[in-house]
Amino acid sequence: MTTVHLTIQDTPSGLVRISTDAARAPAGTTPPPAQRLAVELLSLAAHTGFAIEVHDTPIAANLEGLAAALLGPHPAQRDAEGYLTHPALPILDEGINVRSLLMVLGLETSFVCMEDDCDLDHPAVTSYEHGDGCAAWTPTPPAGDGWVLVEIYDTEDGVYALYCRGAA
C-alpha cells in the first residue's frame, strides 16, 4: 500500500494551497492510485481557470464554490450538434479522471451512454451514425433526486452524458 499525504490549506490571500509529498514515479512506470489522485488534483489546480498561485513544489488554486457552481443553474445551451459543457466545469487534460475530481469535491457522478439509453432506431442514434451529432437525444437522468446534467460529449465509444449531484 502506498500512502500519499495531501495537504490542503487556506492561505492569507484567500487561495487554497494543495500540496503533496508524492514523489514522481520513475519514467515508464505507472504511479500507485493514491499518487495518481494527488497528481490529478494538482493538475486540476493548474487548469481550473480559477486564481492560481504557483510555488516551487505546491500549486495553489481556489476551488471554493466549484461544486456549488456545478450543481447550480447554468446558462449553457446545447450546441447545434447537441453537445453541452457546463460553464463551471474546468477544461481537463485527457488523463484527468473527472469522476475522481468530482468525488474529491463531494459530488456523486453518473454516466449515461446514448446507445444504452436509446433504441438502435432512435433518431438520435441514426443522426449520430450519419455524423450529425446527438441533438435528438434527451439523456435520461439517473434514478433519484438532485441530478444535474453537466456535460454531453462524444468519445471513441459513443456519446455520453455526465450527471452529478451532492454525495449523500
Foldseek 3Di string as FASTA:
>chain_A
DDDKDWDWDQDPVRWIKIFIPDDDDPPPDDDDPVVLLSVLVQQCQVFQPADWDDDPGIIIGHCPCLLVQQLDDAPWDQPQQGKTAGPNDTDGDPPRDVQSVVVVVQKHKDKDFQPVQDPCPQPQNVCVVVVRHRNSDDGDDDPDDRWDFGIWDADPVHIMIMIMGGHD
